[in-house]
Amino acid sequence: AVGPAVLDGSKSRITMVVPGTKDRIDNLMKQLEKLVCVVNVTNLSNESFVDRELMLVKVFCESSMRGELLDVLSIFRAKVCDISQDTMTIEVTGNQEKISALQD
């Protein structure tokens, strides 16, 4: 995810989740530090964090079925981002199990 790191917009912060061994992560950090545009690289592996997934999905949905779909979405606390004549774009956030349950 990329977000602003300073108010004037001169720098951005990028957060990456990288699976791998300690050696591979150390190697990746060294490679990132070589890039001219990189100011700082920090390994947050040992810090506490909140792990959440985001899923955006566009589903075909006739207007007559929207109520039923909204009932299912409310169980998962999903949000409708966009509605067109025959589709709905849905946003779901949560842990991997929640995302997988909605996909099923």
Protein backbone atom coordinates (compact mmCIF):
# COMPACT_ATOMS: atom_id res chain seq x y z
CA ALA A 1 0.00 0.00 0.00
CA VAL A 2 1.26 3.48 -0.79
CA GLY A 3 0.41 6.47 1.38
CA PRO A 4 1.82 9.95 1.90
CA ALA A 5 4.64 10.10 4.44
CA VAL A 6 4.94 13.88 4.67
CA LEU A 7 2.36 16.64 4.34
CA ASP A 8 3.97 18.41 1.40
CA GLY A 9 3.72 15.24 -0.72
CA SER A 10 7.44 15.06 -1.43
CA LYS A 11 7.70 11.49 -0.11
CA SER A 12 5.48 8.44 -0.05
CA ARG A 13 5.50 5.41 2.20
CA ILE A 14 5.17 1.92 0.75
CA THR A 15 4.29 -1.04 2.95
CA MET A 16 5.00 -4.52 1.58
CA VAL A 17 4.27 -7.95 2.96
CA VAL A 18 7.00 -10.29 1.80
CA PRO A 19 6.95 -13.98 2.65
CA GLY A 20 10.36 -15.59 2.94
CA THR A 21 13.21 -16.56 5.17
CA LYS A 22 15.16 -14.03 7.21
CA ASP A 23 18.03 -14.25 4.68
CA ARG A 24 15.74 -13.54 1.73
CA ILE A 25 14.12 -10.60 3.48
CA ASP A 26 17.55 -9.21 4.42
CA ASN A 27 18.61 -9.57 0.77
CA LEU A 28 15.49 -7.76 -0.41
CA MET A 29 16.12 -4.93 2.03
CA LYS A 30 19.69 -4.56 0.74
CA GLN A 31 18.43 -4.42 -2.85
CA LEU A 32 15.82 -1.78 -1.95
CA GLU A 33 18.41 0.34 -0.14
CA LYS A 34 20.46 0.47 -3.37
CA LEU A 35 17.65 2.28 -5.21
CA VAL A 36 18.28 6.01 -5.60
CA CYS A 37 14.67 6.97 -4.87
CA VAL A 38 14.55 5.00 -1.58
CA VAL A 39 15.21 7.07 1.55
CA ASN A 40 14.72 4.43 4.24
CA VAL A 41 13.97 0.68 4.52
CA THR A 42 12.64 -0.77 7.78
CA ASN A 43 11.89 -4.40 8.62
CA LEU A 44 8.73 -4.54 10.72
CA SER A 45 8.70 -8.34 11.13
CA ASN A 46 9.15 -8.15 14.89
CA GLU A 47 6.67 -5.31 15.42
CA SER A 48 3.01 -5.77 16.30
CA PHE A 49 0.62 -5.27 13.41
CA VAL A 50 -2.95 -5.66 12.24
CA ASP A 51 -3.39 -8.10 9.37
CA ARG A 52 -6.37 -7.40 7.09
CA GLU A 53 -7.26 -8.33 3.55
CA LEU A 54 -9.18 -6.22 1.04
CA MET A 55 -11.24 -7.74 -1.74
CA LEU A 56 -13.03 -5.82 -4.47
CA VAL A 57 -15.34 -7.91 -6.60
CA LYS A 58 -17.70 -7.04 -9.42
CA VAL A 59 -20.69 -9.35 -9.68
CA PHE A 60 -23.41 -9.65 -12.27
CA CYS A 61 -26.69 -8.96 -10.50
CA GLU A 62 -30.07 -8.27 -12.02
CA SER A 63 -32.01 -5.58 -10.20
CA SER A 64 -34.55 -8.16 -9.00
CA MET A 65 -31.77 -10.03 -7.12
CA ARG A 66 -30.13 -7.02 -5.44
CA GLY A 67 -32.09 -7.39 -2.20
CA GLU A 68 -30.99 -10.99 -1.79
CA LEU A 69 -27.37 -10.10 -2.53
CA LEU A 70 -27.47 -7.22 -0.04
CA ASP A 71 -28.76 -9.62 2.63
CA VAL A 72 -25.76 -11.90 2.07
CA LEU A 73 -23.38 -8.95 2.05
CA SER A 74 -24.72 -7.67 5.37
CA ILE A 75 -23.67 -10.94 7.03
CA PHE A 76 -20.07 -10.19 5.99
CA ARG A 77 -20.35 -6.42 6.63
CA ALA A 78 -19.45 -5.85 3.00
CA LYS A 79 -20.02 -2.50 1.31
CA VAL A 80 -21.38 -1.74 -2.12
CA CYS A 81 -18.94 0.57 -3.90
CA ASP A 82 -20.77 0.92 -7.21
CA ILE A 83 -24.01 -0.15 -8.84
CA SER A 84 -24.71 -0.23 -12.55
CA GLN A 85 -27.66 -1.55 -14.48
CA ASP A 86 -26.58 -5.18 -14.18
CA THR A 87 -23.51 -5.26 -11.87
CA MET A 88 -22.50 -4.40 -8.32
CA THR A 89 -18.97 -3.71 -7.14
CA ILE A 90 -18.45 -4.90 -3.59
CA GLU A 91 -15.74 -4.16 -1.01
CA VAL A 92 -14.97 -6.63 1.75
CA THR A 93 -12.28 -6.26 4.41
CA GLY A 94 -11.23 -8.70 7.10
CA ASN A 95 -9.05 -11.70 7.74
CA GLN A 96 -8.31 -14.35 5.12
CA GLU A 97 -10.99 -16.70 6.49
CA LYS A 98 -13.71 -14.06 6.10
CA ILE A 99 -12.65 -13.27 2.54
CA SER A 100 -12.57 -16.97 1.64
CA ALA A 101 -15.97 -17.59 3.21
CA LEU A 102 -17.56 -14.88 1.06
CA GLN A 103 -15.90 -16.27 -2.07
CA ASP A 104 -17.41 -19.68 -1.38
